[in-house]
Each structure stands twice: as C-alpha cells, then as structure tokens.
Amino acid sequence: MMESSIVVAIIGFVGAIIVALIQKSRKENKEDHNIVAQLLEVVHHDVTKVEDKLDHVEIKLDNHILDHKTNKNLKSKEQVKK
C-alpha cells in the first residue's frame, strides 16, 4: 500500500492541474467577452448612424408627400377659380 504522503502529493498535483486549467479557461473566456463587447460597440455605433439617416429620409419623405398634397390642393382651387 502507498504511503499517505504519496497519496496526498498525487491528489495535490491533480488538484493543481485542475485549478490551472480552470484559470486558463476563465482568462480565455474574459478575453472573448472583451472582444464581443468591443464588436457590440461598433455595431451599436453603426445602427445609430443608420437610424439617424432613416430619420432624415423620413423627414424628407414626409415633406415631399406634404408638398404633393399642398400642390394638389392648390391646383384644385385654381381649377375651381377658372
């Protein structure tokens, strides 16, 4: 039978390996999260720019439609006057 000191040393060695693997995995996971967070910031910035452009187009389209309605009403009134 193995001496108790050898068994304790083997258990300690196996435990140290497991702890090292867990620490390495946590470090890689944290790095991955940082990369994803940076990419999400870029995506957020791009989406904000697109939303701003869409708001601008919406305003221009609303004004254009209003111009058509106004011009149509003016033309109708002019025809009534004739």
Protein backbone atom coordinates (compact mmCIF):
# COMPACT_ATOMS: atom_id res chain seq x y z
CA MET A 1 0.00 0.00 0.00
CA MET A 2 1.18 3.52 -0.88
CA GLU A 3 2.27 5.78 1.86
CA SER A 4 -0.15 8.52 2.79
CA SER A 5 2.34 11.24 1.84
CA ILE A 6 2.49 9.93 -1.74
CA VAL A 7 -1.31 9.84 -1.98
CA VAL A 8 -1.52 13.41 -0.66
CA ALA A 9 1.13 14.54 -3.17
CA ILE A 10 -0.76 12.91 -6.09
CA ILE A 11 -4.06 14.48 -5.01
CA GLY A 12 -2.35 17.87 -4.67
CA PHE A 13 -0.74 17.51 -8.11
CA VAL A 14 -4.04 16.56 -9.78
CA GLY A 15 -5.81 19.41 -7.96
CA ALA A 16 -3.17 21.90 -9.13
CA ILE A 17 -3.61 20.79 -12.74
CA ILE A 18 -7.39 21.17 -12.49
CA VAL A 19 -7.06 24.65 -10.96
CA ALA A 20 -4.60 25.70 -13.71
CA LEU A 21 -7.00 24.50 -16.43
CA ILE A 22 -9.92 26.36 -14.86
CA GLN A 23 -7.87 29.57 -14.57
CA LYS A 24 -6.78 29.33 -18.21
CA SER A 25 -10.39 28.78 -19.30
CA ARG A 26 -11.57 31.79 -17.26
CA LYS A 27 -8.87 34.01 -18.78
CA GLU A 28 -9.82 32.94 -22.33
CA ASN A 29 -13.50 33.49 -21.54
CA LYS A 30 -12.80 37.01 -20.23
CA GLU A 31 -10.79 37.83 -23.38
CA ASP A 32 -13.61 36.51 -25.57
CA HIS A 33 -16.13 38.65 -23.69
CA ASN A 34 -13.96 41.74 -24.17
CA ILE A 35 -13.76 41.10 -27.92
CA VAL A 36 -17.52 40.64 -28.16
CA ALA A 37 -18.14 43.80 -26.11
CA GLN A 38 -15.92 45.81 -28.50
CA LEU A 39 -17.73 44.41 -31.52
CA LEU A 40 -21.10 45.23 -29.98
CA GLU A 41 -19.99 48.84 -29.52
CA VAL A 42 -19.08 49.03 -33.23
CA VAL A 43 -22.44 47.52 -34.20
CA HIS A 44 -24.26 49.95 -31.88
CA HIS A 45 -22.45 52.90 -33.47
CA ASP A 46 -23.36 51.67 -36.98
CA VAL A 47 -27.01 51.09 -36.04
CA THR A 48 -27.20 54.60 -34.56
CA LYS A 49 -25.84 56.07 -37.79
CA VAL A 50 -28.40 54.12 -39.84
CA GLU A 51 -31.23 55.23 -37.54
CA ASP A 52 -30.15 58.86 -37.92
CA LYS A 53 -30.09 58.53 -41.70
CA LEU A 54 -33.52 56.88 -41.68
CA ASP A 55 -34.90 59.73 -39.56
CA HIS A 56 -33.52 62.20 -42.10
CA VAL A 57 -35.06 60.29 -45.02
CA GLU A 58 -38.37 60.04 -43.17
CA ILE A 59 -38.49 63.80 -42.67
CA LYS A 60 -37.64 64.44 -46.32
CA LEU A 61 -40.29 61.94 -47.47
CA ASP A 62 -42.92 63.43 -45.17
CA ASN A 63 -42.13 66.90 -46.53
CA HIS A 64 -42.27 65.63 -50.10
CA ILE A 65 -45.65 63.99 -49.57
CA LEU A 66 -46.94 67.14 -47.87
CA ASP A 67 -45.72 69.21 -50.85
CA HIS A 68 -47.66 66.94 -53.20
CA LYS A 69 -50.81 67.26 -51.10
CA THR A 70 -50.43 71.03 -50.85
CA ASN A 71 -49.76 71.42 -54.59
CA LYS A 72 -52.71 69.16 -55.40
CA ASN A 73 -54.99 71.26 -53.19
CA LEU A 74 -53.67 74.47 -54.76
CA LYS A 75 -54.22 73.11 -58.26
CA SER A 76 -57.76 72.05 -57.35
CA LYS A 77 -58.54 75.54 -56.01
CA GLU A 78 -57.06 77.14 -59.13
CA GLN A 79 -59.25 74.96 -61.32
CA VAL A 80 -62.34 75.99 -59.32
CA LYS A 81 -61.43 79.68 -59.81
CA LYS A 82 -61.25 79.29 -63.61
